Amino acid sequence: MKKKVFISYAWGTKEHDDWVLNLSKRLMTDTVDVVLDKWSLKEGQDKIKFMEQMVKSDDVFRVIIVCDKKYSEKA
């Protein structure tokens, strides 16, 4: 059974966004099921509610938080 992780991060520079996307793809290659907003958040869906659901979900094994300066300022 694949482990499912949710990756939380602040949208930032293209370089940062690409880094998060590449991390997600590498994990998927290593048989980790990744929930990433760019793949799973539907248009018009409440992003805060989506994040809360992922953090509370019994299906999600771990939450990975990718922090940068922008993320820490938002938090």
PDB file of N, CA and C in Angstrom:
ATOM      1  N   MET A   1       0.839  -1.199   0.000  1.00  0.00           N
ATOM      2  CA  MET A   1       0.000   0.000   0.000  1.00  0.00           C
ATOM      3  C   MET A   1       0.873   1.247   0.000  1.00  0.00           C
ATOM      4  N   LYS A   2       0.571   2.160  -0.889  1.00  0.00           N
ATOM      5  CA  LYS A   2       1.328   3.402  -0.977  1.00  0.00           C
ATOM      6  C   LYS A   2       1.038   4.302   0.218  1.00  0.00           C
ATOM      7  N   LYS A   3       2.076   4.975   0.684  1.00  0.00           N
ATOM      8  CA  LYS A   3       1.902   6.007   1.705  1.00  0.00           C
ATOM      9  C   LYS A   3       1.476   7.291   0.998  1.00  0.00           C
ATOM     10  N   LYS A   4       0.534   8.022   1.601  1.00  0.00           N
ATOM     11  CA  LYS A   4       0.072   9.278   1.025  1.00  0.00           C
ATOM     12  C   LYS A   4       0.581  10.436   1.878  1.00  0.00           C
ATOM     13  N   VAL A   5       1.153  11.437   1.218  1.00  0.00           N
ATOM     14  CA  VAL A   5       1.607  12.631   1.922  1.00  0.00           C
ATOM     15  C   VAL A   5       0.955  13.856   1.294  1.00  0.00           C
ATOM     16  N   PHE A   6       0.770  14.869   2.107  1.00  0.00           N
ATOM     17  CA  PHE A   6       0.274  16.161   1.645  1.00  0.00           C
ATOM     18  C   PHE A   6       1.423  17.145   1.748  1.00  0.00           C
ATOM     19  N   ILE A   7       1.708  17.853   0.671  1.00  0.00           N
ATOM     20  CA  ILE A   7       2.771  18.853   0.683  1.00  0.00           C
ATOM     21  C   ILE A   7       2.147  20.234   0.756  1.00  0.00           C
ATOM     22  N   SER A   8       2.505  20.956   1.817  1.00  0.00           N
ATOM     23  CA  SER A   8       2.030  22.315   2.033  1.00  0.00           C
ATOM     24  C   SER A   8       3.204  23.264   1.824  1.00  0.00           C
ATOM     25  N   TYR A   9       2.978  24.345   1.099  1.00  0.00           N
ATOM     26  CA  TYR A   9       4.033  25.305   0.806  1.00  0.00           C
ATOM     27  C   TYR A   9       3.392  26.626   0.401  1.00  0.00           C
ATOM     28  N   ALA A  10       4.157  27.695   0.474  1.00  0.00           N
ATOM     29  CA  ALA A  10       3.666  28.994   0.002  1.00  0.00           C
ATOM     30  C   ALA A  10       4.061  29.162  -1.449  1.00  0.00           C
ATOM     31  N   TRP A  11       3.126  29.600  -2.260  1.00  0.00           N
ATOM     32  CA  TRP A  11       3.466  29.899  -3.641  1.00  0.00           C
ATOM     33  C   TRP A  11       4.438  31.069  -3.618  1.00  0.00           C
ATOM     34  N   GLY A  12       5.472  30.954  -4.397  1.00  0.00           N
ATOM     35  CA  GLY A  12       6.482  32.006  -4.385  1.00  0.00           C
ATOM     36  C   GLY A  12       7.053  32.227  -5.755  1.00  0.00           C
ATOM     37  N   THR A  13       8.359  32.191  -5.806  1.00  0.00           N
ATOM     38  CA  THR A  13       9.035  32.394  -7.078  1.00  0.00           C
ATOM     39  C   THR A  13       8.848  31.156  -7.961  1.00  0.00           C
ATOM     40  N   LYS A  14       9.083  31.309  -9.227  1.00  0.00           N
ATOM     41  CA  LYS A  14       8.999  30.170 -10.143  1.00  0.00           C
ATOM     42  C   LYS A  14      10.003  29.104  -9.720  1.00  0.00           C
ATOM     43  N   GLU A  15      11.176  29.526  -9.302  1.00  0.00           N
ATOM     44  CA  GLU A  15      12.207  28.580  -8.863  1.00  0.00           C
ATOM     45  C   GLU A  15      11.720  27.746  -7.672  1.00  0.00           C
ATOM     46  N   HIS A  16      11.100  28.394  -6.703  1.00  0.00           N
ATOM     47  CA  HIS A  16      10.584  27.687  -5.520  1.00  0.00           C
ATOM     48  C   HIS A  16       9.447  26.744  -5.915  1.00  0.00           C
ATOM     49  N   ASP A  17       8.519  27.236  -6.709  1.00  0.00           N
ATOM     50  CA  ASP A  17       7.391  26.411  -7.155  1.00  0.00           C
ATOM     51  C   ASP A  17       7.885  25.190  -7.932  1.00  0.00           C
ATOM     52  N   ASP A  18       8.884  25.398  -8.790  1.00  0.00           N
ATOM     53  CA  ASP A  18       9.454  24.288  -9.559  1.00  0.00           C
ATOM     54  C   ASP A  18      10.126  23.278  -8.635  1.00  0.00           C
ATOM     55  N   TRP A  19      10.798  23.771  -7.583  1.00  0.00           N
ATOM     56  CA  TRP A  19      11.472  22.886  -6.627  1.00  0.00           C
ATOM     57  C   TRP A  19      10.438  21.984  -5.949  1.00  0.00           C
ATOM     58  N   VAL A  20       9.323  22.568  -5.511  1.00  0.00           N
ATOM     59  CA  VAL A  20       8.262  21.796  -4.852  1.00  0.00           C
ATOM     60  C   VAL A  20       7.667  20.780  -5.828  1.00  0.00           C
ATOM     61  N   LEU A  21       7.438  21.193  -7.044  1.00  0.00           N
ATOM     62  CA  LEU A  21       6.887  20.290  -8.056  1.00  0.00           C
ATOM     63  C   LEU A  21       7.848  19.127  -8.328  1.00  0.00           C
ATOM     64  N   ASN A  22       9.139  19.425  -8.437  1.00  0.00           N
ATOM     65  CA  ASN A  22      10.127  18.362  -8.658  1.00  0.00           C
ATOM     66  C   ASN A  22      10.204  17.406  -7.473  1.00  0.00           C
ATOM     67  N   LEU A  23      10.128  17.927  -6.258  1.00  0.00           N
ATOM     68  CA  LEU A  23      10.093  17.070  -5.067  1.00  0.00           C
ATOM     69  C   LEU A  23       8.891  16.143  -5.133  1.00  0.00           C
ATOM     70  N   SER A  24       7.749  16.684  -5.483  1.00  0.00           N
ATOM     71  CA  SER A  24       6.520  15.893  -5.580  1.00  0.00           C
ATOM     72  C   SER A  24       6.660  14.774  -6.606  1.00  0.00           C
ATOM     73  N   LYS A  25       7.222  15.102  -7.742  1.00  0.00           N
ATOM     74  CA  LYS A  25       7.409  14.100  -8.797  1.00  0.00           C
ATOM     75  C   LYS A  25       8.391  13.013  -8.364  1.00  0.00           C
ATOM     76  N   ARG A  26       9.467  13.414  -7.675  1.00  0.00           N
ATOM     77  CA  ARG A  26      10.441  12.414  -7.198  1.00  0.00           C
ATOM     78  C   ARG A  26       9.797  11.469  -6.197  1.00  0.00           C
ATOM     79  N   LEU A  27       8.983  12.007  -5.300  1.00  0.00           N
ATOM     80  CA  LEU A  27       8.302  11.161  -4.320  1.00  0.00           C
ATOM     81  C   LEU A  27       7.355  10.192  -5.017  1.00  0.00           C
ATOM     82  N   MET A  28       6.640  10.684  -6.022  1.00  0.00           N
ATOM     83  CA  MET A  28       5.727   9.813  -6.759  1.00  0.00           C
ATOM     84  C   MET A  28       6.504   8.689  -7.451  1.00  0.00           C
ATOM     85  N   THR A  29       7.670   9.001  -7.967  1.00  0.00           N
ATOM     86  CA  THR A  29       8.517   8.001  -8.596  1.00  0.00           C
ATOM     87  C   THR A  29       8.956   6.945  -7.579  1.00  0.00           C
ATOM     88  N   ASP A  30       9.099   7.367  -6.329  1.00  0.00           N
ATOM     89  CA  ASP A  30       9.500   6.456  -5.254  1.00  0.00           C
ATOM     90  C   ASP A  30       8.295   5.827  -4.555  1.00  0.00           C
ATOM     91  N   THR A  31       7.187   5.738  -5.251  1.00  0.00           N
ATOM     92  CA  THR A  31       5.947   5.084  -4.800  1.00  0.00           C
ATOM     93  C   THR A  31       5.269   5.759  -3.600  1.00  0.00           C
ATOM     94  N   VAL A  32       5.441   7.069  -3.485  1.00  0.00           N
ATOM     95  CA  VAL A  32       4.708   7.826  -2.474  1.00  0.00           C
ATOM     96  C   VAL A  32       3.573   8.545  -3.192  1.00  0.00           C
ATOM     97  N   ASP A  33       2.362   8.418  -2.679  1.00  0.00           N
ATOM     98  CA  ASP A  33       1.200   9.095  -3.245  1.00  0.00           C
ATOM     99  C   ASP A  33       1.194  10.524  -2.701  1.00  0.00           C
ATOM    100  N   VAL A  34       1.342  11.503  -3.568  1.00  0.00           N
ATOM    101  CA  VAL A  34       1.471  12.900  -3.153  1.00  0.00           C
ATOM    102  C   VAL A  34       0.186  13.661  -3.444  1.00  0.00           C
ATOM    103  N   VAL A  35      -0.280  14.394  -2.444  1.00  0.00           N
ATOM    104  CA  VAL A  35      -1.390  15.328  -2.625  1.00  0.00           C
ATOM    105  C   VAL A  35      -0.767  16.715  -2.680  1.00  0.00           C
ATOM    106  N   LEU A  36      -0.920  17.358  -3.812  1.00  0.00           N
ATOM    107  CA  LEU A  36      -0.362  18.687  -4.044  1.00  0.00           C
ATOM    108  C   LEU A  36      -1.477  19.555  -4.614  1.00  0.00           C
ATOM    109  N   ASP A  37      -1.595  20.773  -4.115  1.00  0.00           N
ATOM    110  CA  ASP A  37      -2.695  21.631  -4.551  1.00  0.00           C
ATOM    111  C   ASP A  37      -2.756  21.768  -6.074  1.00  0.00           C
ATOM    112  N   LYS A  38      -1.610  21.861  -6.722  1.00  0.00           N
ATOM    113  CA  LYS A  38      -1.605  22.023  -8.186  1.00  0.00           C
ATOM    114  C   LYS A  38      -2.250  20.840  -8.887  1.00  0.00           C
ATOM    115  N   TRP A  39      -2.273  19.693  -8.239  1.00  0.00           N
ATOM    116  CA  TRP A  39      -2.854  18.490  -8.830  1.00  0.00           C
ATOM    117  C   TRP A  39      -4.246  18.194  -8.287  1.00  0.00           C
ATOM    118  N   SER A  40      -4.512  18.558  -7.026  1.00  0.00           N
ATOM    119  CA  SER A  40      -5.714  18.078  -6.345  1.00  0.00           C
ATOM    120  C   SER A  40      -6.756  19.150  -6.034  1.00  0.00           C
ATOM    121  N   LEU A  41      -6.365  20.391  -5.948  1.00  0.00           N
ATOM    122  CA  LEU A  41      -7.299  21.468  -5.619  1.00  0.00           C
ATOM    123  C   LEU A  41      -8.080  21.845  -6.875  1.00  0.00           C
ATOM    124  N   LYS A  42      -9.384  21.728  -6.789  1.00  0.00           N
ATOM    125  CA  LYS A  42     -10.250  22.022  -7.939  1.00  0.00           C
ATOM    126  C   LYS A  42     -10.521  23.525  -8.031  1.00  0.00           C
ATOM    127  N   GLU A  43     -10.761  23.995  -9.240  1.00  0.00           N
ATOM    128  CA  GLU A  43     -11.066  25.406  -9.441  1.00  0.00           C
ATOM    129  C   GLU A  43     -12.319  25.776  -8.641  1.00  0.00           C
ATOM    130  N   GLY A  44     -12.223  26.860  -7.881  1.00  0.00           N
ATOM    131  CA  GLY A  44     -13.332  27.328  -7.068  1.00  0.00           C
ATOM    132  C   GLY A  44     -13.410  26.690  -5.691  1.00  0.00           C
ATOM    133  N   GLN A  45     -12.626  25.643  -5.456  1.00  0.00           N
ATOM    134  CA  GLN A  45     -12.625  24.962  -4.162  1.00  0.00           C
ATOM    135  C   GLN A  45     -11.918  25.850  -3.138  1.00  0.00           C
ATOM    136  N   ASP A  46     -12.423  25.864  -1.923  1.00  0.00           N
ATOM    137  CA  ASP A  46     -11.837  26.654  -0.845  1.00  0.00           C
ATOM    138  C   ASP A  46     -10.487  26.049  -0.453  1.00  0.00           C
ATOM    139  N   LYS A  47      -9.402  26.809  -0.659  1.00  0.00           N
ATOM    140  CA  LYS A  47      -8.065  26.251  -0.405  1.00  0.00           C
ATOM    141  C   LYS A  47      -7.796  26.025   1.077  1.00  0.00           C
ATOM    142  N   ILE A  48      -8.360  26.856   1.941  1.00  0.00           N
ATOM    143  CA  ILE A  48      -8.162  26.665   3.388  1.00  0.00           C
ATOM    144  C   ILE A  48      -8.858  25.381   3.837  1.00  0.00           C
ATOM    145  N   LYS A  49     -10.081  25.182   3.381  1.00  0.00           N
ATOM    146  CA  LYS A  49     -10.824  23.967   3.716  1.00  0.00           C
ATOM    147  C   LYS A  49     -10.100  22.731   3.169  1.00  0.00           C
ATOM    148  N   PHE A  50      -9.586  22.843   1.934  1.00  0.00           N
ATOM    149  CA  PHE A  50      -8.832  21.756   1.325  1.00  0.00           C
ATOM    150  C   PHE A  50      -7.635  21.388   2.200  1.00  0.00           C
ATOM    151  N   MET A  51      -6.883  22.382   2.633  1.00  0.00           N
ATOM    152  CA  MET A  51      -5.704  22.122   3.466  1.00  0.00           C
ATOM    153  C   MET A  51      -6.100  21.486   4.795  1.00  0.00           C
ATOM    154  N   GLU A  52      -7.154  21.984   5.419  1.00  0.00           N
ATOM    155  CA  GLU A  52      -7.625  21.407   6.681  1.00  0.00           C
ATOM    156  C   GLU A  52      -8.027  19.946   6.499  1.00  0.00           C
ATOM    157  N   GLN A  53      -8.705  19.649   5.401  1.00  0.00           N
ATOM    158  CA  GLN A  53      -9.112  18.268   5.128  1.00  0.00           C
ATOM    159  C   GLN A  53      -7.897  17.360   4.966  1.00  0.00           C
ATOM    160  N   MET A  54      -6.868  17.844   4.300  1.00  0.00           N
ATOM    161  CA  MET A  54      -5.668  17.033   4.089  1.00  0.00           C
ATOM    162  C   MET A  54      -4.941  16.762   5.404  1.00  0.00           C
ATOM    163  N   VAL A  55      -4.863  17.762   6.253  1.00  0.00           N
ATOM    164  CA  VAL A  55      -4.172  17.618   7.540  1.00  0.00           C
ATOM    165  C   VAL A  55      -4.924  16.655   8.458  1.00  0.00           C
ATOM    166  N   LYS A  56      -6.245  16.645   8.365  1.00  0.00           N
ATOM    167  CA  LYS A  56      -7.065  15.799   9.234  1.00  0.00           C
ATOM    168  C   LYS A  56      -7.368  14.424   8.644  1.00  0.00           C
ATOM    169  N   SER A  57      -7.079  14.220   7.383  1.00  0.00           N
ATOM    170  CA  SER A  57      -7.447  12.990   6.689  1.00  0.00           C
ATOM    171  C   SER A  57      -6.728  11.768   7.250  1.00  0.00           C
ATOM    172  N   ASP A  58      -7.495  10.708   7.466  1.00  0.00           N
ATOM    173  CA  ASP A  58      -6.908   9.439   7.913  1.00  0.00           C
ATOM    174  C   ASP A  58      -6.071   8.787   6.813  1.00  0.00           C
ATOM    175  N   ASP A  59      -6.312   9.174   5.561  1.00  0.00           N
ATOM    176  CA  ASP A  59      -5.570   8.621   4.425  1.00  0.00           C
ATOM    177  C   ASP A  59      -4.165   9.211   4.290  1.00  0.00           C
ATOM    178  N   VAL A  60      -3.956  10.390   4.873  1.00  0.00           N
ATOM    179  CA  VAL A  60      -2.670  11.068   4.740  1.00  0.00           C
ATOM    180  C   VAL A  60      -1.746  10.603   5.866  1.00  0.00           C
ATOM    181  N   PHE A  61      -0.635   9.986   5.458  1.00  0.00           N
ATOM    182  CA  PHE A  61       0.340   9.428   6.393  1.00  0.00           C
ATOM    183  C   PHE A  61       1.182  10.525   7.037  1.00  0.00           C
ATOM    184  N   ARG A  62       1.601  11.497   6.246  1.00  0.00           N
ATOM    185  CA  ARG A  62       2.431  12.600   6.728  1.00  0.00           C
ATOM    186  C   ARG A  62       2.074  13.884   5.982  1.00  0.00           C
ATOM    187  N   VAL A  63       2.385  15.016   6.634  1.00  0.00           N
ATOM    188  CA  VAL A  63       2.280  16.328   6.006  1.00  0.00           C
ATOM    189  C   VAL A  63       3.701  16.871   5.896  1.00  0.00           C
ATOM    190  N   ILE A  64       4.080  17.244   4.698  1.00  0.00           N
ATOM    191  CA  ILE A  64       5.398  17.827   4.461  1.00  0.00           C
ATOM    192  C   ILE A  64       5.196  19.320   4.256  1.00  0.00           C
ATOM    193  N   ILE A  65       5.861  20.113   5.078  1.00  0.00           N
ATOM    194  CA  ILE A  65       5.769  21.560   4.954  1.00  0.00           C
ATOM    195  C   ILE A  65       7.092  22.064   4.396  1.00  0.00           C
ATOM    196  N   VAL A  66       7.024  22.680   3.243  1.00  0.00           N
ATOM    197  CA  VAL A  66       8.210  23.240   2.610  1.00  0.00           C
ATOM    198  C   VAL A  66       8.219  24.728   2.927  1.00  0.00           C
ATOM    199  N   CYS A  67       9.165  25.115   3.762  1.00  0.00           N
ATOM    200  CA  CYS A  67       9.214  26.505   4.228  1.00  0.00           C
ATOM    201  C   CYS A  67      10.267  27.308   3.472  1.00  0.00           C
ATOM    202  N   ASP A  68       9.925  28.517   3.193  1.00  0.00           N
ATOM    203  CA  ASP A  68      10.879  29.509   2.724  1.00  0.00           C
ATOM    204  C   ASP A  68      10.541  30.794   3.474  1.00  0.00           C
ATOM    205  N   LYS A  69      11.234  31.856   3.186  1.00  0.00           N
ATOM    206  CA  LYS A  69      10.993  33.104   3.914  1.00  0.00           C
ATOM    207  C   LYS A  69       9.537  33.566   3.776  1.00  0.00           C
ATOM    208  N   LYS A  70       8.982  33.455   2.571  1.00  0.00           N
ATOM    209  CA  LYS A  70       7.603  33.885   2.337  1.00  0.00           C
ATOM    210  C   LYS A  70       6.627  33.065   3.181  1.00  0.00           C
ATOM    211  N   TYR A  71       6.849  31.749   3.271  1.00  0.00           N
ATOM    212  CA  TYR A  71       5.971  30.884   4.055  1.00  0.00           C
ATOM    213  C   TYR A  71       6.013  31.292   5.526  1.00  0.00           C
ATOM    214  N   SER A  72       7.223  31.520   6.053  1.00  0.00           N
ATOM    215  CA  SER A  72       7.330  31.888   7.466  1.00  0.00           C
ATOM    216  C   SER A  72       6.680  33.228   7.749  1.00  0.00           C
ATOM    217  N   GLU A  73       6.731  34.155   6.793  1.00  0.00           N
ATOM    218  CA  GLU A  73       6.078  35.455   6.979  1.00  0.00           C
ATOM    219  C   GLU A  73       4.561  35.302   6.992  1.00  0.00           C
ATOM    220  N   LYS A  74       4.010  34.410   6.154  1.00  0.00           N
ATOM    221  CA  LYS A  74       2.564  34.172   6.120  1.00  0.00           C
ATOM    222  C   LYS A  74       2.090  33.494   7.405  1.00  0.00           C
ATOM    223  N   ALA A  75       2.899  32.571   7.915  1.00  0.00           N
ATOM    224  CA  ALA A  75       2.525  31.816   9.113  1.00  0.00           C
ATOM    225  C   ALA A  75       2.563  32.724  10.316  1.00  0.00           C
TER     226      ALA A  75
END
